[in-house]
Amino acid sequence: MRLTRTLRVAACAAALLLAAACDSSGSGGSSATGLNPPHLKAPTKLGRTEGQVDLIAWAGYVEDGSNDPKADWVSGFEKQTGCQVHSKVAASSDEMVKLMKTGEYDAVSASGDASLRLIASGDAAPVNTALVPNYKDIFAGLKNGPWNSVKGQMYGIPHGRGANLLMYNTDKVKPAPTSWSAVFDDAARYKGHVTAYDSPIYIADAALYLKATKPELKIKDPYALDQKQFEAAVALLKKQNADIGEYWGDYLKEVSAFKSGDSVVGTTWQVIANLAASEGAKVKALVPKEGSTGWSDTWMVSSKAKHPNCAYQWLNWIVSPKVNAQVAEYFGEAPANSRACAETSDKNFCTVYHAADESYWKKIAFWNTPIEQCLDGRTDVKCVPYAKWVQAWTEIKG
């Protein structure tokens, strides 16, 4: 297992926004998002492979055996397709967006807090799923999501998914929490020992909690917040800040903090909870009664791809059952291919990660990119765009 995704989001992310490609009136766009991306066409057929493919990926997604001899699904791809893989690891979604804008890369493993930006700006092209044979076996819950499609047109191939869970020390946090109130309204009980995910997208976690506890705010979608709703979420996080011991972006630091007792309650991922427990930390993790946020990664093809045929070959390869299983186990996430579960080395893996449990995923609000065109379909107000989330996050942390 290797997981090194971190989101060190800086204020410079404000320069990576959506504005130009979005119709501010919402007319002519998706009924769900008001998004009206540039008119780009997906290929109708594939041609001869170009001999190489240039990828941007999260660490652990494109492994050739150099980091871990047991993790190599690149060599087989190169041998089968003749496409030599060149990859760059990105540390954040904002870095991925910035790199894709250069036009030097063919594909990217984008999370939901980047994908709409790439779609709206025209940096990601629509994908012809008929040219990706393994797409037919992708779990239905990952297809046509608001973070990877517009008006029924897919803009990528789903790779995997995970939930942002509530983890707690079973000795220090009693009774066992069932609500996100443990890190919000009740956080003072654990003052200095509460931990939270270090990213502007964490504002959605506060919004999700307020959706359940403050119905008068009328929050429908935690990524679609008008000014009043946004201010309420920011106020809740500023209040929480007084009780935070550490904001985490590095999973090893979170494991260490729960082992030492510096952290006793906060957000986590399943793979982190598993690792912490395996190293002796007395922890449990759950989806609270309000539900959780989460992430779903999508392989997207650049609209300026110099090697589109090799890119499509990669998309099909990375979600093939055996390879998708290898990546999921190595990275620590639920695979996207429904046939991957039969290929995992740990036969209990997909059960632990709820891979095939669509009722579980219905409780997860996957990361999406906040834009002015409200993602919940409202047209009578403007929602707060991602740039403002970045600015607010700096203020929240002080």
Protein backbone atom coordinates (compact mmCIF):
# COMPACT_ATOMS: atom_id res chain seq x y z
CA MET A 1 0.00 0.00 0.00
CA ARG A 2 1.25 3.46 -0.87
CA LEU A 3 -0.78 6.64 -0.51
CA THR A 4 0.80 10.03 -0.94
CA ARG A 5 -2.01 12.29 -2.15
CA THR A 6 -1.68 15.70 -0.54
CA LEU A 7 -3.45 18.95 -1.33
CA ARG A 8 -1.18 21.86 -0.54
CA VAL A 9 -3.42 24.52 -2.01
CA ALA A 10 -1.98 28.00 -2.26
CA ALA A 11 -3.65 31.30 -2.92
CA CYS A 12 -2.25 31.23 -6.46
CA ALA A 13 -5.04 28.77 -7.25
CA ALA A 14 -7.27 31.76 -7.73
CA ALA A 15 -5.66 32.21 -11.13
CA LEU A 16 -6.87 28.80 -12.25
CA LEU A 17 -10.55 29.57 -12.38
CA LEU A 18 -13.46 28.87 -14.63
CA ALA A 19 -14.90 32.20 -15.63
CA ALA A 20 -14.27 32.42 -19.37
CA ALA A 21 -15.87 29.16 -20.36
CA CYS A 22 -19.02 29.51 -18.27
CA ASP A 23 -22.19 31.21 -19.47
CA SER A 24 -23.09 33.46 -16.54
CA SER A 25 -26.78 33.28 -17.32
CA GLY A 26 -26.76 29.52 -17.22
CA SER A 27 -28.64 29.38 -20.52
CA GLY A 28 -27.65 26.71 -22.99
CA GLY A 29 -25.68 24.77 -20.44
CA SER A 30 -26.29 21.70 -18.34
CA SER A 31 -29.60 21.80 -16.54
CA ALA A 32 -27.81 20.65 -13.41
CA THR A 33 -24.87 23.05 -13.44
CA GLY A 34 -25.49 25.87 -15.91
CA LEU A 35 -22.12 24.91 -17.35
CA ASN A 36 -21.62 25.59 -21.04
CA PRO A 37 -18.18 24.27 -22.00
CA PRO A 38 -16.51 24.95 -25.36
CA HIS A 39 -17.85 22.82 -28.20
CA LEU A 40 -15.28 20.06 -28.60
CA LYS A 41 -15.77 16.74 -30.32
CA ALA A 42 -14.65 13.34 -29.09
CA PRO A 43 -12.91 11.10 -31.64
CA THR A 44 -15.08 8.64 -33.54
CA LYS A 45 -12.27 6.13 -34.05
CA LEU A 46 -8.71 5.51 -32.98
CA GLY A 47 -5.66 5.57 -35.21
CA ARG A 48 -2.15 4.20 -34.97
CA THR A 49 -0.50 4.69 -31.59
CA GLU A 50 2.11 7.43 -31.45
CA GLY A 51 4.78 5.62 -29.43
CA GLN A 52 4.46 7.57 -26.18
CA VAL A 53 1.99 9.10 -23.75
CA ASP A 54 2.54 11.94 -21.27
CA LEU A 55 0.51 11.70 -18.06
CA ILE A 56 -0.16 13.78 -14.94
CA ALA A 57 -1.16 11.64 -11.99
CA TRP A 58 -1.48 11.28 -8.27
CA ALA A 59 1.46 9.45 -6.70
CA GLY A 60 0.75 5.73 -6.82
CA TYR A 61 -1.36 5.79 -9.98
CA VAL A 62 1.35 5.31 -12.62
CA GLU A 63 3.84 2.79 -11.23
CA ASP A 64 6.63 1.13 -13.22
CA GLY A 65 8.35 -0.82 -10.44
CA SER A 66 10.95 1.87 -9.66
CA ASN A 67 9.26 2.87 -6.39
CA ASP A 68 8.22 -0.66 -5.44
CA PRO A 69 9.26 -3.73 -7.47
CA LYS A 70 5.86 -5.28 -6.70
CA ALA A 71 4.00 -2.33 -8.20
CA ASP A 72 4.40 -2.25 -11.96
CA TRP A 73 1.52 -1.93 -14.37
CA VAL A 74 3.34 0.42 -16.74
CA SER A 75 5.72 -2.15 -18.22
CA GLY A 76 2.89 -4.39 -19.36
CA PHE A 77 1.13 -1.44 -20.97
CA GLU A 78 4.26 -0.38 -22.83
CA LYS A 79 4.87 -3.90 -24.08
CA GLN A 80 1.29 -4.39 -25.25
CA THR A 81 0.76 -1.00 -26.91
CA GLY A 82 4.21 0.28 -27.82
CA CYS A 83 3.36 3.52 -26.00
CA GLN A 84 6.21 4.60 -23.74
CA VAL A 85 4.86 6.20 -20.56
CA HIS A 86 6.19 9.51 -19.29
CA SER A 87 4.48 10.67 -16.12
CA LYS A 88 4.62 13.58 -13.71
CA VAL A 89 3.32 13.31 -10.17
CA ALA A 90 1.22 16.29 -9.08
CA ALA A 91 0.86 17.26 -5.43
CA SER A 92 -2.49 19.01 -5.77
CA SER A 93 -5.53 19.43 -7.97
CA ASP A 94 -4.47 23.01 -8.63
CA GLU A 95 -1.10 21.83 -9.91
CA MET A 96 -2.88 19.37 -12.21
CA VAL A 97 -5.02 22.15 -13.69
CA LYS A 98 -1.99 24.36 -14.21
CA LEU A 99 -0.02 21.58 -15.91
CA MET A 100 -2.92 20.64 -18.18
CA LYS A 101 -3.11 24.23 -19.39
CA THR A 102 0.40 23.95 -20.81
CA GLY A 103 -0.77 21.48 -23.46
CA GLU A 104 2.27 19.32 -22.79
CA TYR A 105 0.34 16.38 -21.33
CA ASP A 106 -2.07 13.90 -22.88
CA ALA A 107 -4.12 12.82 -19.87
CA VAL A 108 -4.62 13.48 -16.16
CA SER A 109 -6.11 11.62 -13.18
CA ALA A 110 -8.31 14.53 -12.08
CA SER A 111 -10.29 14.65 -8.86
CA GLY A 112 -13.68 16.33 -8.74
CA ASP A 113 -12.26 19.60 -7.43
CA ALA A 114 -10.33 19.95 -10.71
CA SER A 115 -12.43 18.24 -13.36
CA LEU A 116 -15.07 20.94 -13.90
CA ARG A 117 -12.33 23.54 -14.22
CA LEU A 118 -10.73 21.47 -16.98
CA ILE A 119 -14.06 20.93 -18.72
CA ALA A 120 -15.13 24.58 -18.52
CA SER A 121 -11.81 25.93 -19.75
CA GLY A 122 -11.72 23.53 -22.69
CA ASP A 123 -8.53 21.89 -21.47
CA ALA A 124 -10.24 18.48 -21.20
CA ALA A 125 -11.93 16.95 -24.21
CA PRO A 126 -15.15 14.91 -24.18
CA VAL A 127 -14.43 11.18 -24.24
CA ASN A 128 -15.94 8.60 -26.58
CA THR A 129 -16.56 5.79 -24.10
CA ALA A 130 -17.24 3.38 -26.97
CA LEU A 131 -13.49 3.53 -27.69
CA VAL A 132 -12.74 2.34 -24.14
CA PRO A 133 -13.98 -1.29 -24.00
CA ASN A 134 -13.50 -1.61 -20.23
CA TYR A 135 -15.87 1.31 -19.63
CA LYS A 136 -18.83 -1.06 -19.84
CA ASP A 137 -17.76 -2.65 -16.53
CA ILE A 138 -17.39 0.62 -14.59
CA PHE A 139 -19.76 0.83 -11.60
CA ALA A 140 -22.92 2.69 -12.61
CA GLY A 141 -22.58 5.11 -9.70
CA LEU A 142 -19.41 6.54 -11.23
CA LYS A 143 -20.87 7.23 -14.67
CA ASN A 144 -22.43 10.55 -15.68
CA GLY A 145 -21.58 12.23 -12.39
CA PRO A 146 -21.87 16.00 -12.01
CA TRP A 147 -18.08 16.11 -11.61
CA ASN A 148 -17.16 14.12 -14.78
CA SER A 149 -19.91 14.81 -17.31
CA VAL A 150 -22.00 17.61 -18.80
CA LYS A 151 -25.42 17.04 -20.36
CA GLY A 152 -24.85 13.29 -20.47
CA GLN A 153 -21.46 13.58 -22.16
CA MET A 154 -18.63 11.91 -20.26
CA TYR A 155 -15.39 13.86 -20.05
CA GLY A 156 -13.28 11.00 -18.77
CA ILE A 157 -13.10 7.44 -17.52
CA PRO A 158 -13.68 6.86 -13.77
CA HIS A 159 -10.67 5.41 -11.97
CA GLY A 160 -11.63 4.95 -8.31
CA ARG A 161 -13.36 6.53 -5.33
CA GLY A 162 -13.09 7.10 -1.60
CA ALA A 163 -15.00 8.69 1.28
CA ASN A 164 -13.88 11.30 3.78
CA LEU A 165 -14.62 9.55 7.08
CA LEU A 166 -14.85 10.54 10.73
CA MET A 167 -12.08 8.81 12.70
CA TYR A 168 -11.87 8.79 16.49
CA ASN A 169 -9.80 7.36 19.31
CA THR A 170 -11.97 4.71 20.96
CA ASP A 171 -10.37 5.31 24.38
CA LYS A 172 -10.62 9.10 24.39
CA VAL A 173 -13.85 9.80 22.51
CA LYS A 174 -16.85 8.42 24.36
CA PRO A 175 -19.60 7.73 23.65
CA ALA A 176 -18.70 6.70 20.12
CA PRO A 177 -19.67 9.57 17.79
CA THR A 178 -22.32 9.14 15.12
CA SER A 179 -22.37 12.73 13.87
CA TRP A 180 -19.98 15.33 12.48
CA SER A 181 -20.95 17.36 15.55
CA ALA A 182 -17.91 15.71 17.15
CA VAL A 183 -15.66 18.01 15.11
CA PHE A 184 -17.98 21.00 14.89
CA ASP A 185 -20.48 21.89 17.62
CA ASP A 186 -18.88 19.54 20.17
CA ALA A 187 -15.26 20.12 19.14
CA ALA A 188 -14.43 22.05 22.32
CA ARG A 189 -14.63 18.76 24.24
CA TYR A 190 -11.46 17.72 22.43
CA LYS A 191 -9.82 21.14 22.18
CA GLY A 192 -6.36 20.96 20.64
CA HIS A 193 -6.86 17.36 19.56
CA VAL A 194 -9.24 17.83 16.61
CA THR A 195 -7.85 17.40 13.11
CA ALA A 196 -9.25 18.47 9.74
CA TYR A 197 -8.32 18.09 6.10
CA ASP A 198 -6.12 20.94 4.87
CA SER A 199 -7.86 22.13 1.71
CA PRO A 200 -10.42 24.75 0.66
CA ILE A 201 -12.66 21.87 -0.42
CA TYR A 202 -13.09 21.08 3.30
CA ILE A 203 -15.54 23.99 3.40
CA ALA A 204 -17.95 21.51 1.81
CA ASP A 205 -17.69 19.30 4.92
CA ALA A 206 -18.99 22.16 7.02
CA ALA A 207 -21.73 22.83 4.47
CA LEU A 208 -22.76 19.17 4.52
CA TYR A 209 -23.12 19.34 8.31
CA LEU A 210 -25.12 22.57 8.10
CA LYS A 211 -27.35 21.04 5.44
CA ALA A 212 -28.51 18.56 8.08
CA THR A 213 -28.45 20.74 11.19
CA LYS A 214 -29.52 24.16 9.86
CA PRO A 215 -32.38 23.44 7.43
CA GLU A 216 -33.26 27.13 7.37
CA LEU A 217 -30.13 27.68 5.25
CA LYS A 218 -31.70 25.49 2.53
CA ILE A 219 -28.41 23.94 1.44
CA LYS A 220 -29.05 21.35 -1.25
CA ASP A 221 -25.51 20.75 -2.49
CA PRO A 222 -22.40 21.39 -0.33
CA TYR A 223 -20.53 22.57 -3.45
CA ALA A 224 -23.27 25.04 -4.43
CA LEU A 225 -23.34 27.73 -1.77
CA ASP A 226 -24.81 31.20 -2.17
CA GLN A 227 -23.23 34.00 -0.17
CA LYS A 228 -25.35 33.47 2.95
CA GLN A 229 -24.80 29.71 2.96
CA PHE A 230 -21.08 30.16 2.31
CA GLU A 231 -20.70 32.65 5.15
CA ALA A 232 -22.41 30.21 7.52
CA ALA A 233 -19.99 27.43 6.57
CA VAL A 234 -16.99 29.73 6.92
CA ALA A 235 -18.21 30.93 10.32
CA LEU A 236 -18.54 27.34 11.52
CA LEU A 237 -14.98 26.57 10.39
CA LYS A 238 -13.57 29.70 12.01
CA LYS A 239 -15.20 28.60 15.25
CA GLN A 240 -13.76 25.11 14.79
CA ASN A 241 -10.29 26.55 14.23
CA ALA A 242 -9.98 27.33 17.96
CA ASP A 243 -10.17 23.60 18.71
CA ILE A 244 -7.98 22.31 15.85
CA GLY A 245 -4.66 20.80 16.83
CA GLU A 246 -3.51 20.22 13.28
CA TYR A 247 -4.75 20.47 9.72
CA TRP A 248 -3.47 17.47 7.79
CA GLY A 249 -2.49 16.97 4.18
CA ASP A 250 0.09 14.22 4.70
CA TYR A 251 -1.43 10.89 5.66
CA LEU A 252 1.68 9.75 7.56
CA LYS A 253 1.40 12.76 9.86
CA GLU A 254 -2.21 11.93 10.61
CA VAL A 255 -1.33 8.33 11.40
CA SER A 256 1.43 9.55 13.73
CA ALA A 257 -0.88 12.06 15.43
CA PHE A 258 -3.52 9.43 16.21
CA LYS A 259 -0.87 7.00 17.45
CA SER A 260 0.61 9.61 19.82
CA GLY A 261 -2.74 10.96 20.99
CA ASP A 262 -2.10 14.44 19.57
CA SER A 263 -5.25 13.89 17.51
CA VAL A 264 -8.27 12.04 18.85
CA VAL A 265 -11.01 12.93 16.35
CA GLY A 266 -11.21 14.26 12.80
CA THR A 267 -11.50 13.54 9.10
CA THR A 268 -9.66 10.66 7.47
CA TRP A 269 -9.67 8.14 4.61
CA GLN A 270 -10.27 4.41 4.91
CA VAL A 271 -6.68 3.59 3.99
CA ILE A 272 -5.38 5.89 6.77
CA ALA A 273 -7.72 4.34 9.32
CA ASN A 274 -6.54 0.88 8.28
CA LEU A 275 -2.88 1.86 8.56
CA ALA A 276 -3.30 3.60 11.92
CA ALA A 277 -5.11 0.58 13.35
CA SER A 278 -2.45 -1.79 11.99
CA GLU A 279 0.21 0.27 13.78
CA GLY A 280 -1.54 0.06 17.15
CA ALA A 281 -3.70 3.18 17.22
CA LYS A 282 -7.05 2.56 18.89
CA VAL A 283 -9.22 4.06 16.20
CA LYS A 284 -12.44 3.49 14.32
CA ALA A 285 -13.79 5.31 11.27
CA LEU A 286 -17.30 5.75 9.94
CA VAL A 287 -19.66 7.68 7.70
CA PRO A 288 -21.67 9.82 10.17
CA LYS A 289 -25.44 10.13 10.00
CA GLU A 290 -25.22 13.33 7.93
CA GLY A 291 -23.25 11.52 5.22
CA SER A 292 -19.76 12.49 4.07
CA THR A 293 -17.89 14.20 1.30
CA GLY A 294 -15.61 12.09 -0.85
CA TRP A 295 -13.51 11.94 -3.98
CA SER A 296 -13.81 10.22 -7.32
CA ASP A 297 -10.90 10.42 -9.75
CA THR A 298 -11.37 10.49 -13.51
CA TRP A 299 -8.80 9.99 -16.28
CA MET A 300 -9.35 12.92 -18.62
CA VAL A 301 -7.81 13.47 -22.07
CA SER A 302 -6.30 16.84 -22.96
CA SER A 303 -8.01 18.71 -25.78
CA LYS A 304 -4.48 19.45 -27.01
CA ALA A 305 -3.16 15.88 -26.64
CA LYS A 306 -0.24 15.16 -28.94
CA HIS A 307 -0.67 11.42 -28.40
CA PRO A 308 -4.44 10.87 -28.23
CA ASN A 309 -4.36 7.28 -29.44
CA CYS A 310 -1.89 6.23 -26.76
CA ALA A 311 -3.95 8.23 -24.25
CA TYR A 312 -7.06 6.22 -25.09
CA GLN A 313 -5.07 3.01 -24.82
CA TRP A 314 -3.96 4.12 -21.33
CA LEU A 315 -7.52 4.93 -20.28
CA ASN A 316 -8.63 1.43 -21.23
CA TRP A 317 -5.61 -0.22 -19.61
CA ILE A 318 -5.76 1.57 -16.26
CA VAL A 319 -9.39 0.54 -15.69
CA SER A 320 -8.95 -3.03 -16.92
CA PRO A 321 -9.92 -5.45 -14.11
CA LYS A 322 -6.47 -6.69 -13.08
CA VAL A 323 -4.71 -3.32 -13.35
CA ASN A 324 -7.54 -1.41 -11.66
CA ALA A 325 -7.35 -3.92 -8.78
CA GLN A 326 -3.57 -3.44 -8.48
CA VAL A 327 -3.84 0.35 -8.40
CA ALA A 328 -6.71 0.31 -5.91
CA GLU A 329 -4.84 -1.90 -3.45
CA TYR A 330 -1.58 0.02 -3.84
CA PHE A 331 -3.18 3.44 -3.49
CA GLY A 332 -5.95 2.58 -1.03
CA GLU A 333 -9.28 3.24 -2.72
CA ALA A 334 -12.32 1.47 -4.11
CA PRO A 335 -11.73 0.37 -7.72
CA ALA A 336 -13.96 1.68 -10.51
CA ASN A 337 -14.21 -1.54 -12.52
CA SER A 338 -16.83 -3.93 -11.15
CA ARG A 339 -14.72 -6.91 -12.25
CA ALA A 340 -11.62 -5.65 -10.39
CA CYS A 341 -12.81 -7.08 -7.07
CA ALA A 342 -12.24 -10.61 -8.34
CA GLU A 343 -8.61 -9.66 -9.05
CA THR A 344 -7.52 -8.17 -5.70
CA SER A 345 -4.86 -10.06 -3.73
CA ASP A 346 -6.81 -9.38 -0.52
CA LYS A 347 -10.17 -11.02 -1.17
CA ASN A 348 -11.76 -8.85 1.54
CA PHE A 349 -10.45 -5.61 0.03
CA CYS A 350 -13.57 -4.57 -1.85
CA THR A 351 -15.75 -5.30 1.17
CA VAL A 352 -13.63 -3.04 3.40
CA TYR A 353 -13.67 -0.27 0.79
CA HIS A 354 -17.38 -0.74 -0.05
CA ALA A 355 -16.48 -1.01 -3.74
CA ALA A 356 -19.74 -2.57 -4.89
CA ASP A 357 -22.03 -1.09 -2.22
CA GLU A 358 -23.91 1.59 -4.15
CA SER A 359 -26.13 2.31 -1.13
CA TYR A 360 -22.95 3.32 0.73
CA TRP A 361 -21.87 5.69 -2.06
CA LYS A 362 -25.28 7.34 -2.16
CA LYS A 363 -24.33 8.83 1.22
CA ILE A 364 -21.18 10.40 -0.25
CA ALA A 365 -21.14 13.86 -1.81
CA PHE A 366 -18.20 13.60 -4.19
CA TRP A 367 -15.89 16.59 -4.57
CA ASN A 368 -16.98 19.02 -7.23
CA THR A 369 -15.71 22.40 -8.35
CA PRO A 370 -17.70 25.34 -6.93
CA ILE A 371 -18.67 27.78 -9.69
CA GLU A 372 -20.91 30.85 -9.94
CA GLN A 373 -23.52 28.83 -11.84
CA CYS A 374 -25.03 27.02 -8.89
CA LEU A 375 -24.51 23.27 -9.18
CA ASP A 376 -27.88 22.65 -7.52
CA GLY A 377 -29.73 24.17 -10.46
CA ARG A 378 -30.66 27.53 -8.91
CA THR A 379 -30.68 30.41 -11.39
CA ASP A 380 -31.98 33.21 -9.16
CA VAL A 381 -28.69 33.56 -7.26
CA LYS A 382 -24.98 33.25 -7.90
CA CYS A 383 -22.96 30.74 -5.96
CA VAL A 384 -19.54 31.40 -4.47
CA PRO A 385 -16.79 30.26 -6.91
CA TYR A 386 -13.69 28.30 -5.98
CA ALA A 387 -11.45 31.40 -5.89
CA LYS A 388 -13.44 32.67 -2.92
CA TRP A 389 -13.16 29.26 -1.22
CA VAL A 390 -9.37 29.51 -1.51
CA GLN A 391 -9.35 33.02 -0.03
CA ALA A 392 -11.70 32.01 2.79
CA TRP A 393 -9.60 28.96 3.65
CA THR A 394 -6.60 31.22 4.29
CA GLU A 395 -8.73 33.35 6.60
CA ILE A 396 -10.18 30.30 8.40
CA LYS A 397 -6.72 28.99 9.24
CA GLY A 398 -5.58 32.42 10.39
